[in-house]
Protein backbone atom coordinates (compact mmCIF):
# COMPACT_ATOMS: atom_id res chain seq x y z
CA MET A 1 -20.30 -23.68 86.07
CA SER A 2 -19.02 -22.07 83.53
CA GLN A 3 -21.40 -19.60 82.95
CA LEU A 4 -21.18 -19.68 79.16
CA SER A 5 -23.03 -23.16 79.29
CA THR A 6 -26.63 -20.64 81.18
CA LEU A 7 -26.13 -18.19 78.16
CA PRO A 8 -28.98 -17.66 75.36
CA ASP A 9 -27.85 -19.51 72.33
CA ASP A 10 -27.62 -15.86 70.25
CA VAL A 11 -25.31 -14.92 73.02
CA LEU A 12 -23.26 -18.15 73.46
CA LEU A 13 -22.19 -18.53 69.85
CA GLU A 14 -21.43 -14.61 69.57
CA ARG A 15 -18.91 -15.16 72.70
CA LEU A 16 -17.53 -18.31 71.30
CA GLN A 17 -17.49 -17.23 67.76
CA ARG A 18 -15.34 -13.86 68.87
CA ALA A 19 -13.03 -16.30 71.05
CA ALA A 20 -11.67 -18.13 68.47
CA PHE A 21 -10.58 -14.76 66.16
CA GLY A 22 -8.86 -14.31 68.95
CA TYR A 23 -6.73 -16.59 68.67
CA PHE A 24 -5.41 -15.04 65.47
CA VAL A 25 -5.21 -11.44 66.05
CA GLU A 26 -3.18 -12.76 69.02
CA HIS A 27 -0.86 -15.10 67.54
CA MET A 28 0.08 -13.71 64.54
CA ASN A 29 3.59 -12.52 63.15
CA PRO A 30 3.68 -8.85 62.88
CA ALA A 31 6.36 -9.61 60.29
CA ASN A 32 4.85 -12.08 57.74
CA GLY A 33 1.59 -13.03 58.42
CA LEU A 34 2.11 -16.44 59.42
CA VAL A 35 -0.32 -18.11 62.08
CA PRO A 36 1.44 -21.42 64.40
CA ASP A 37 -0.54 -24.77 65.04
CA THR A 38 -0.79 -23.78 68.47
CA SER A 39 -0.30 -21.50 71.61
CA ARG A 40 2.29 -22.92 72.94
CA ALA A 41 5.83 -21.61 73.69
CA ASN A 42 7.87 -21.93 70.05
CA SER A 43 4.83 -24.13 68.19
CA PRO A 44 5.56 -23.39 64.51
CA VAL A 45 3.50 -22.20 61.75
CA SER A 46 0.91 -24.63 60.40
CA ILE A 47 0.10 -24.11 56.58
CA ALA A 48 -3.36 -24.86 57.17
CA VAL A 49 -4.19 -22.57 59.71
CA VAL A 50 -3.35 -19.47 57.98
CA GLY A 51 -6.17 -20.66 55.49
CA PHE A 52 -8.15 -20.60 58.17
CA ALA A 53 -7.42 -16.99 59.21
CA LEU A 54 -7.06 -15.86 55.99
CA SER A 55 -10.94 -16.23 55.90
CA ALA A 56 -11.33 -15.67 59.37
CA TYR A 57 -10.70 -12.03 58.70
CA PRO A 58 -13.83 -11.36 56.56
CA VAL A 59 -16.07 -12.83 58.43
CA ALA A 60 -14.39 -10.52 61.25
CA VAL A 61 -15.15 -7.10 59.16
CA GLU A 62 -18.91 -8.24 58.70
CA ARG A 63 -19.33 -8.84 62.18
CA GLY A 64 -17.17 -5.45 63.39
CA TRP A 65 -14.79 -6.61 64.61
CA MET A 66 -11.94 -5.75 62.45
CA GLU A 67 -11.50 -2.97 60.61
CA ARG A 68 -11.26 -3.55 56.68
CA ALA A 69 -7.95 -1.87 55.87
CA GLU A 70 -6.79 -3.98 59.19
CA ALA A 71 -7.64 -7.40 57.28
CA VAL A 72 -6.15 -6.78 54.23
CA ARG A 73 -3.20 -5.58 55.76
CA ARG A 74 -3.09 -8.66 57.56
CA SER A 75 -3.93 -10.69 54.82
CA LEU A 76 -1.39 -8.76 51.99
CA LEU A 77 1.48 -9.58 54.91
CA ALA A 78 0.39 -13.69 54.24
CA LEU A 79 0.29 -13.55 50.75
CA ARG A 80 3.53 -11.61 50.29
CA PHE A 81 5.28 -14.16 52.07
CA PHE A 82 3.85 -17.73 50.00
CA ARG A 83 5.00 -15.54 46.71
CA ASP A 84 7.89 -14.08 47.77
CA SER A 85 8.82 -18.43 49.64
CA ASP A 86 11.88 -20.40 48.80
CA GLN A 87 9.64 -22.77 46.25
CA SER A 88 12.98 -25.29 45.47
CA GLY A 89 12.17 -27.95 47.17
CA SER A 90 14.92 -28.24 48.89
CA PRO A 91 14.64 -29.27 53.05
CA THR A 92 14.99 -25.97 54.23
CA ALA A 93 12.95 -23.67 51.63
CA THR A 94 9.26 -23.14 52.05
CA GLY A 95 7.36 -25.64 49.47
CA TYR A 96 7.60 -26.96 45.80
CA LYS A 97 5.46 -26.65 42.90
CA GLY A 98 3.66 -24.60 44.45
CA PHE A 99 2.79 -26.56 47.67
CA TYR A 100 3.94 -25.65 50.71
CA TYR A 101 5.25 -27.83 53.68
CA HIS A 102 2.48 -28.69 56.55
CA PHE A 103 4.74 -27.27 59.11
CA LEU A 104 6.90 -23.83 58.70
CA ASP A 105 8.97 -22.07 61.11
CA ILE A 106 7.24 -19.22 62.58
CA HIS A 107 10.31 -16.42 61.46
CA THR A 108 12.18 -17.67 58.86
CA GLY A 109 9.28 -19.73 56.89
CA ALA A 110 11.77 -22.71 56.58
CA ARG A 111 10.46 -26.18 56.22
CA VAL A 112 10.35 -27.38 59.77
CA TRP A 113 10.28 -31.16 61.43
CA ARG A 114 10.66 -32.26 58.70
CA SER A 115 7.66 -32.33 57.64
CA GLU A 116 5.47 -33.16 53.94
CA LEU A 117 4.87 -31.53 51.36
CA SER A 118 0.90 -31.65 51.67
CA MET A 119 -1.63 -31.75 49.48
CA ILE A 120 -4.40 -31.54 51.86
CA ASP A 121 -2.99 -28.37 53.88
CA SER A 122 -2.05 -26.49 51.25
CA ALA A 123 -5.52 -27.33 50.10
CA LEU A 124 -6.72 -25.20 53.07
CA LEU A 125 -4.50 -22.43 52.93
CA LEU A 126 -5.65 -22.20 48.78
CA ALA A 127 -9.75 -22.10 50.19
CA GLY A 128 -8.14 -19.43 52.63
CA VAL A 129 -6.82 -17.35 49.76
CA LEU A 130 -9.36 -17.86 47.59
CA THR A 131 -11.59 -16.11 50.73
CA ALA A 132 -9.90 -13.25 51.34
CA ALA A 133 -9.96 -12.76 46.96
CA THR A 134 -13.78 -13.78 46.46
CA TYR A 135 -14.75 -10.84 49.15
CA PHE A 136 -12.05 -7.74 49.15
CA GLY A 137 -13.05 -6.75 45.93
CA ALA A 138 -12.49 -2.96 45.80
CA ASP A 139 -10.84 -1.33 43.47
CA ASN A 140 -8.29 0.16 44.75
CA ALA A 141 -4.14 -0.51 45.39
CA ALA A 142 -4.26 -2.98 47.96
CA GLU A 143 -7.30 -4.98 47.39
CA THR A 144 -6.02 -5.59 43.40
CA GLU A 145 -2.76 -6.61 44.85
CA LEU A 146 -4.14 -8.64 47.18
CA ARG A 147 -6.65 -10.50 43.83
CA GLU A 148 -4.07 -10.38 41.80
CA LEU A 149 -1.33 -12.85 44.56
CA ALA A 150 -3.80 -14.90 45.08
CA ASP A 151 -4.36 -15.75 41.20
CA LEU A 152 -0.64 -16.01 41.07
CA LEU A 153 -0.45 -18.13 44.08
CA TYR A 154 -3.52 -20.15 42.85
CA ARG A 155 -2.22 -20.79 39.47
CA ARG A 156 1.38 -21.51 40.16
CA VAL A 157 0.20 -24.67 42.05
CA ASP A 158 1.17 -28.49 40.12
CA TRP A 159 -1.88 -30.03 40.94
CA CYS A 160 -1.48 -33.32 38.14
CA TRP A 161 2.01 -33.31 39.56
CA SER A 162 0.56 -34.20 43.02
CA GLN A 163 -0.98 -37.53 41.69
CA ASP A 164 2.87 -39.13 41.06
CA GLY A 165 1.43 -40.41 37.45
CA GLY A 166 -1.17 -42.68 40.11
CA GLY A 167 -5.04 -42.63 40.18
CA THR A 168 -6.22 -39.75 43.09
CA ILE A 169 -3.75 -37.68 44.66
CA ARG A 170 -0.49 -38.08 46.76
CA GLN A 171 -0.88 -37.47 50.65
CA GLY A 172 3.16 -35.84 50.22
CA TRP A 173 6.30 -35.33 49.31
CA LYS A 174 9.91 -35.07 51.17
CA PRO A 175 12.79 -33.53 49.44
CA ASP A 176 14.81 -37.07 50.82
CA SER A 177 12.45 -39.14 49.70
CA GLY A 178 10.06 -38.72 46.80
CA PHE A 179 6.03 -39.15 47.24
CA LEU A 180 4.74 -41.10 50.44
CA HIS A 181 3.46 -43.87 49.58
CA TYR A 182 0.04 -43.58 50.23
CA GLY A 183 -2.46 -41.92 47.88
CA TRP A 184 -5.60 -40.69 49.14
CA GLU A 185 -8.67 -44.04 49.83
CA GLY A 186 -11.69 -43.31 52.08
CA TYR A 187 -13.77 -40.42 52.48
CA SER A 188 -12.28 -37.62 53.55
CA GLU A 189 -11.92 -33.97 53.79
CA ALA A 190 -10.33 -34.30 50.72
CA ILE A 191 -12.94 -32.83 48.86
CA VAL A 192 -11.92 -29.11 48.90
CA LEU A 193 -8.26 -30.66 47.65
CA TYR A 194 -9.64 -32.36 44.34
CA ALA A 195 -11.88 -29.01 43.77
CA LEU A 196 -9.76 -26.86 43.90
CA ALA A 197 -6.98 -29.81 42.33
CA LEU A 198 -10.20 -29.63 39.11
CA GLY A 199 -10.97 -26.08 38.82
CA SER A 200 -7.09 -24.81 37.79
CA PRO A 201 -6.86 -23.47 34.81
CA THR A 202 -3.19 -24.67 34.67
CA HIS A 203 -2.27 -27.43 36.22
CA PRO A 204 -5.91 -29.53 36.74
CA ILE A 205 -5.46 -32.90 37.87
CA SER A 206 -7.02 -35.37 35.53
CA ALA A 207 -10.34 -36.22 34.70
CA ASP A 208 -10.48 -39.68 36.54
CA CYS A 209 -8.74 -38.37 38.96
CA TYR A 210 -11.94 -37.96 41.59
CA PRO A 211 -13.48 -41.05 40.30
CA ALA A 212 -11.05 -43.07 41.47
CA TRP A 213 -10.59 -41.38 44.30
CA THR A 214 -14.41 -42.03 45.43
CA ALA A 215 -14.31 -45.76 44.31
CA THR A 216 -12.01 -46.15 47.06
CA TYR A 217 -15.21 -44.82 49.56
CA GLN A 218 -16.50 -47.29 51.59
CA TRP A 219 -20.18 -47.42 52.34
CA GLU A 220 -21.57 -48.74 55.62
CA ASN A 221 -24.44 -48.59 57.50
CA LEU A 222 -23.79 -47.78 61.52
CA TYR A 223 -26.22 -48.27 64.00
CA ASP A 224 -29.20 -47.94 61.03
CA ASN A 225 -27.43 -45.15 59.59
CA ASP A 226 -26.84 -45.50 55.87
CA PHE A 227 -23.71 -42.89 55.23
CA LEU A 228 -20.04 -43.20 53.92
CA PHE A 229 -17.78 -43.91 56.53
CA ALA A 230 -15.64 -41.77 58.07
CA GLY A 231 -14.58 -42.02 61.38
CA PRO A 232 -13.05 -38.40 62.98
CA LEU A 233 -15.77 -35.47 63.11
CA PHE A 234 -13.14 -33.20 61.19
CA GLU A 235 -13.39 -35.33 57.88
CA HIS A 236 -16.84 -34.17 57.90
CA GLN A 237 -16.02 -31.06 58.75
CA PHE A 238 -13.38 -29.05 57.02
CA SER A 239 -15.22 -28.92 53.66
CA HIS A 240 -17.82 -27.82 54.33
CA ALA A 241 -15.84 -24.71 56.07
CA TRP A 242 -15.63 -23.61 52.58
CA ILE A 243 -18.24 -25.35 50.34
CA ASP A 244 -22.36 -25.88 51.61
CA PHE A 245 -23.06 -29.30 49.98
CA ARG A 246 -26.20 -28.99 50.67
CA GLY A 247 -28.32 -30.30 47.39
CA ILE A 248 -25.74 -30.64 44.96
CA ARG A 249 -24.88 -34.38 44.46
CA ASP A 250 -21.37 -35.74 42.71
CA ARG A 251 -22.61 -39.41 40.88
CA PHE A 252 -21.42 -41.04 43.71
CA MET A 253 -24.07 -39.48 46.49
CA ARG A 254 -26.48 -39.34 43.08
CA GLU A 255 -26.75 -43.34 43.76
CA LYS A 256 -26.67 -43.07 46.81
CA ARG A 257 -29.73 -40.71 47.44
CA SER A 258 -27.87 -38.27 49.94
CA ASP A 259 -25.70 -35.47 49.86
CA TYR A 260 -22.23 -35.02 51.64
CA PHE A 261 -24.26 -31.95 54.08
CA GLU A 262 -27.01 -35.08 55.10
CA ASN A 263 -23.63 -37.50 55.34
CA SER A 264 -21.95 -35.18 58.24
CA ARG A 265 -25.39 -35.35 60.08
CA CYS A 266 -25.48 -38.59 59.62
CA ALA A 267 -21.82 -38.68 61.09
CA VAL A 268 -23.47 -36.60 64.37
CA PHE A 269 -25.91 -39.53 65.53
CA VAL A 270 -23.63 -42.51 64.87
CA GLN A 271 -20.99 -40.40 67.28
CA ARG A 272 -24.10 -39.93 70.02
CA LYS A 273 -24.90 -43.24 69.56
CA TYR A 274 -21.41 -44.31 70.00
CA THR A 275 -20.96 -42.32 73.00
CA ALA A 276 -24.39 -43.52 74.78
CA LEU A 277 -23.22 -47.25 74.51
CA ASN A 278 -20.20 -46.33 76.00
CA PRO A 279 -18.11 -49.64 74.52
CA HIS A 280 -15.20 -49.37 76.55
CA GLU A 281 -16.85 -47.81 79.67
CA PHE A 282 -15.13 -44.29 79.48
CA VAL A 283 -16.18 -41.25 82.41
CA GLY A 284 -18.48 -39.08 80.61
CA TYR A 285 -20.02 -40.77 77.39
CA ASP A 286 -23.23 -40.00 76.65
CA GLU A 287 -25.90 -38.60 73.54
CA ASN A 288 -23.98 -35.44 74.67
CA CYS A 289 -21.35 -36.15 75.54
CA TRP A 290 -19.55 -36.65 72.21
CA GLY A 291 -17.03 -35.37 69.95
CA LEU A 292 -14.26 -37.96 68.54
CA SER A 293 -11.78 -36.51 65.83
CA ALA A 294 -8.59 -35.13 65.47
CA CYS A 295 -7.34 -33.45 68.88
CA ASP A 296 -3.80 -33.32 71.22
CA GLY A 297 -4.55 -36.53 73.67
CA PRO A 298 -2.38 -37.42 76.89
CA SER A 299 0.32 -40.01 76.23
CA ASP A 300 1.62 -42.66 78.06
CA GLU A 301 4.54 -41.25 78.91
CA ARG A 302 1.37 -39.24 82.12
CA PRO A 303 2.96 -40.59 85.82
CA ASP A 304 0.76 -37.89 86.98
CA LEU A 305 -2.67 -40.20 85.88
CA GLN A 306 -4.14 -41.65 88.59
CA ASN A 307 -4.86 -45.82 87.98
CA GLU A 308 -5.06 -46.13 83.80
CA HIS A 309 -3.58 -48.50 82.98
CA ARG A 310 -4.65 -48.64 79.11
CA ARG A 311 -3.28 -47.72 75.92
CA LEU A 312 -3.05 -43.91 75.51
CA PHE A 313 -2.44 -41.98 72.01
CA GLY A 314 -1.36 -38.62 72.30
CA TYR A 315 -1.56 -36.00 69.28
CA ALA A 316 -4.17 -38.90 67.46
CA ALA A 317 -7.33 -38.86 64.93
CA ARG A 318 -9.54 -40.40 66.61
CA GLY A 319 -12.83 -42.31 65.60
CA VAL A 320 -15.81 -43.84 65.65
CA PRO A 321 -17.10 -46.70 66.17
CA TYR A 322 -13.23 -48.72 65.26
CA GLY A 323 -11.17 -45.58 67.15
CA PRO A 324 -8.98 -45.63 68.41
CA ASP A 325 -10.62 -44.19 71.25
CA ASP A 326 -8.39 -43.64 74.99
CA GLY A 327 -11.31 -41.34 75.85
CA THR A 328 -10.38 -38.47 74.78
CA LEU A 329 -13.05 -36.29 73.11
CA SER A 330 -12.91 -32.76 71.32
CA PRO A 331 -14.92 -30.03 72.47
CA PRO A 332 -14.20 -27.83 69.24
CA ALA A 333 -15.18 -30.80 66.49
CA VAL A 334 -19.03 -31.30 68.50
CA LEU A 335 -19.50 -27.40 67.88
CA ALA A 336 -18.47 -27.50 64.41
CA SER A 337 -21.11 -29.86 63.62
CA LEU A 338 -23.66 -27.23 64.36
CA PRO A 339 -24.74 -26.15 61.17
CA PHE A 340 -26.15 -30.38 60.72
CA ALA A 341 -27.53 -30.97 63.57
CA PRO A 342 -27.79 -27.63 65.27
CA ASP A 343 -30.09 -28.66 68.38
CA LEU A 344 -27.79 -32.26 68.59
CA THR A 345 -24.82 -29.94 69.08
CA LEU A 346 -25.61 -26.95 71.40
CA ALA A 347 -27.13 -29.39 73.79
CA ALA A 348 -23.75 -31.73 74.09
CA ILE A 349 -21.64 -27.73 74.22
CA ARG A 350 -23.87 -26.52 76.71
CA ASN A 351 -23.28 -30.28 78.82
CA ILE A 352 -19.90 -30.53 78.36
CA LEU A 353 -19.25 -26.96 79.18
CA LEU A 354 -21.25 -27.50 82.73
CA ARG A 355 -19.80 -30.23 83.51
CA TYR A 356 -16.21 -29.77 82.05
CA PRO A 357 -15.49 -25.48 82.40
CA GLN A 358 -11.93 -26.48 81.99
CA VAL A 359 -12.07 -26.85 78.55
CA LEU A 360 -13.04 -23.39 77.82
CA THR A 361 -10.37 -20.22 78.66
CA HIS A 362 -11.63 -16.93 78.24
CA ASP A 363 -14.19 -17.76 76.06
CA ARG A 364 -12.13 -20.24 74.48
CA LEU A 365 -12.50 -24.16 73.54
CA ALA A 366 -9.41 -26.14 74.69
CA THR A 367 -9.20 -28.79 72.30
CA SER A 368 -10.07 -32.09 73.71
CA PHE A 369 -10.11 -33.49 77.35
CA ASN A 370 -10.52 -36.72 78.90
CA ALA A 371 -12.26 -37.41 81.91
CA THR A 372 -11.57 -40.65 82.59
CA LEU A 373 -8.15 -39.42 83.16
CA VAL A 374 -7.81 -37.42 86.58
CA ASP A 375 -4.51 -36.10 88.57
CA GLY A 376 -3.97 -35.83 92.15
CA ASP A 377 -6.52 -33.56 92.97
CA GLY A 378 -9.31 -35.38 90.67
CA GLN A 379 -9.44 -33.30 87.54
CA PRO A 380 -9.67 -34.98 83.86
CA TRP A 381 -7.11 -33.67 81.62
CA VAL A 382 -7.17 -31.54 79.56
CA SER A 383 -5.13 -30.65 76.47
CA SER A 384 -2.90 -27.41 77.59
CA GLY A 385 -2.66 -24.18 75.28
CA HIS A 386 -4.68 -23.63 72.10
CA TYR A 387 -4.97 -24.51 68.33
CA GLY A 388 -5.54 -23.01 65.02
CA LEU A 389 -7.65 -25.46 63.76
CA ASP A 390 -9.91 -25.20 65.99
CA GLN A 391 -11.04 -22.43 66.56
CA GLY A 392 -11.25 -21.51 62.51
CA ILE A 393 -13.36 -24.47 61.70
CA VAL A 394 -15.22 -23.93 65.31
CA LEU A 395 -15.30 -19.93 63.85
CA MET A 396 -16.47 -20.95 60.30
CA MET A 397 -19.03 -23.49 60.93
CA ILE A 398 -20.71 -21.05 64.11
CA GLU A 399 -20.90 -18.89 60.57
CA ASN A 400 -21.89 -20.60 58.44
CA HIS A 401 -25.35 -21.59 60.92
CA ARG A 402 -25.97 -18.24 61.53
CA SER A 403 -25.92 -16.51 58.66
CA GLU A 404 -24.65 -18.88 56.03
CA TRP A 405 -22.35 -15.73 54.71
CA ILE A 406 -19.17 -17.86 53.90
CA TRP A 407 -20.93 -20.46 51.42
CA GLN A 408 -23.12 -17.07 50.09
CA LEU A 409 -19.85 -16.34 49.52
CA MET A 410 -17.67 -19.00 48.23
CA ARG A 411 -20.24 -19.58 45.37
CA GLY A 412 -18.58 -16.39 44.17
CA CYS A 413 -15.10 -18.12 44.25
CA ALA A 414 -15.49 -19.40 40.03
CA TYR A 415 -12.41 -21.29 40.67
CA LEU A 416 -13.92 -23.77 43.56
CA SER A 417 -17.51 -23.78 41.29
CA ASP A 418 -15.75 -25.13 38.37
CA GLY A 419 -14.17 -27.79 39.90
CA LEU A 420 -16.89 -29.37 41.40
CA ARG A 421 -18.77 -29.45 38.31
CA GLN A 422 -15.65 -30.86 37.07
CA ALA A 423 -15.71 -33.75 39.79
CA GLY A 424 -18.99 -34.15 38.40
CA PHE A 425 -21.51 -32.20 41.05
CA GLY A 426 -24.40 -30.39 40.69
CA GLU A 427 -27.60 -29.15 41.02
CA GLY A 428 -28.77 -26.83 44.55
CA TRP A 429 -26.60 -23.33 43.39
CA LEU A 430 -24.39 -24.78 41.47
CA GLU A 431 -27.50 -25.12 38.37
CA PRO A 432 -27.56 -21.85 36.73
CA PRO A 433 -30.03 -19.56 36.97
CA ILE A 434 -33.31 -19.35 35.06
CA ASP A 435 -32.19 -16.58 33.16
CA GLY A 436 -29.28 -18.39 31.98
CA GLY A 437 -26.72 -16.33 33.91
CA ALA A 438 -23.67 -17.68 36.01
CA ALA A 439 -24.07 -18.96 38.77
CA THR A 440 -23.35 -16.44 42.38
């Protein structure tokens, strides 16, 4: 049994949040500030994980886990790297048009795995860049340089190019074949992408781009919940790491008399109902054991797993209720739901830690487990190592639950708030104060 499962809520969350932050301290390359996708040997850099690291350092300063000067030093390492990176778009470059390849070599910063120039992962990186710039506002040489670098990196992104002349932003681009043959369709984590693309003072997307995306949304009734459908939990979470959606609405949500925060709460209800019904009869599924999201998972090439004849998906975006689903659940995806449904989330994470203590190593959550699949000793399958995306979203969403501090900070990011207004968001914290001053 995990000892954490019996701790008071505030102590439990402090332990889990600080352990999540430790990922970035332990795994950052001290030469360039880059952070690997996973803790596994020879893992490449995920640019989105660097964005979470840049967002994590200010939290650590506020929590007393890191000195401000050290947080600035680490942030500058990464920002200088991206400023100086190869932007030629060649197969071995770091990026093109201000965007970056999804996965990079941690030493050289060159593209690896023939990965795509990723618009969403670049946006998550830039959200972290702007978090650092918004927080580190002191009038000294280091923090002034940090803000100037952040502004340069944001302003040089050619968001308009990423439309490829189409209605919505493309999902990616490759140097040998050009744009991927699909754009963003259906609700997802991409609101932060569109907000940053609309807020650009240099190369914004066209005004009709965001409505073209929301026109592809799928509104459904699932288990008596009317909500904007997205199957995996991470799609209901990532933009919320930086943006407080409570009470602010775009045209789509205004017409539905809802908002994206309430929609994410509904996603928790849908997840719990699905696992309680457990249509595929997986071991462990119930209303307090859920968490279908993008995560690692067992693959079909596992001879050590006993008596398993179902198809296994490896790393995949598992979703509710249409799948894919192979019995693999993500504890970090559960914990990242904390701001939306704290009581239900805490009940679930305590239950998971109690029943499957193997998911925790030094207070840090594994990306996933599968209790239906057991080894020769009867132990459930647990993903090895840790994923930076999991640790980043866990840290930020615990902070948003505990203090709302990141949300409050990012209200002061003019690029982000301007982009939200350009997308048609209004009301709530986006409205100017009564005295007519700028919203902060």
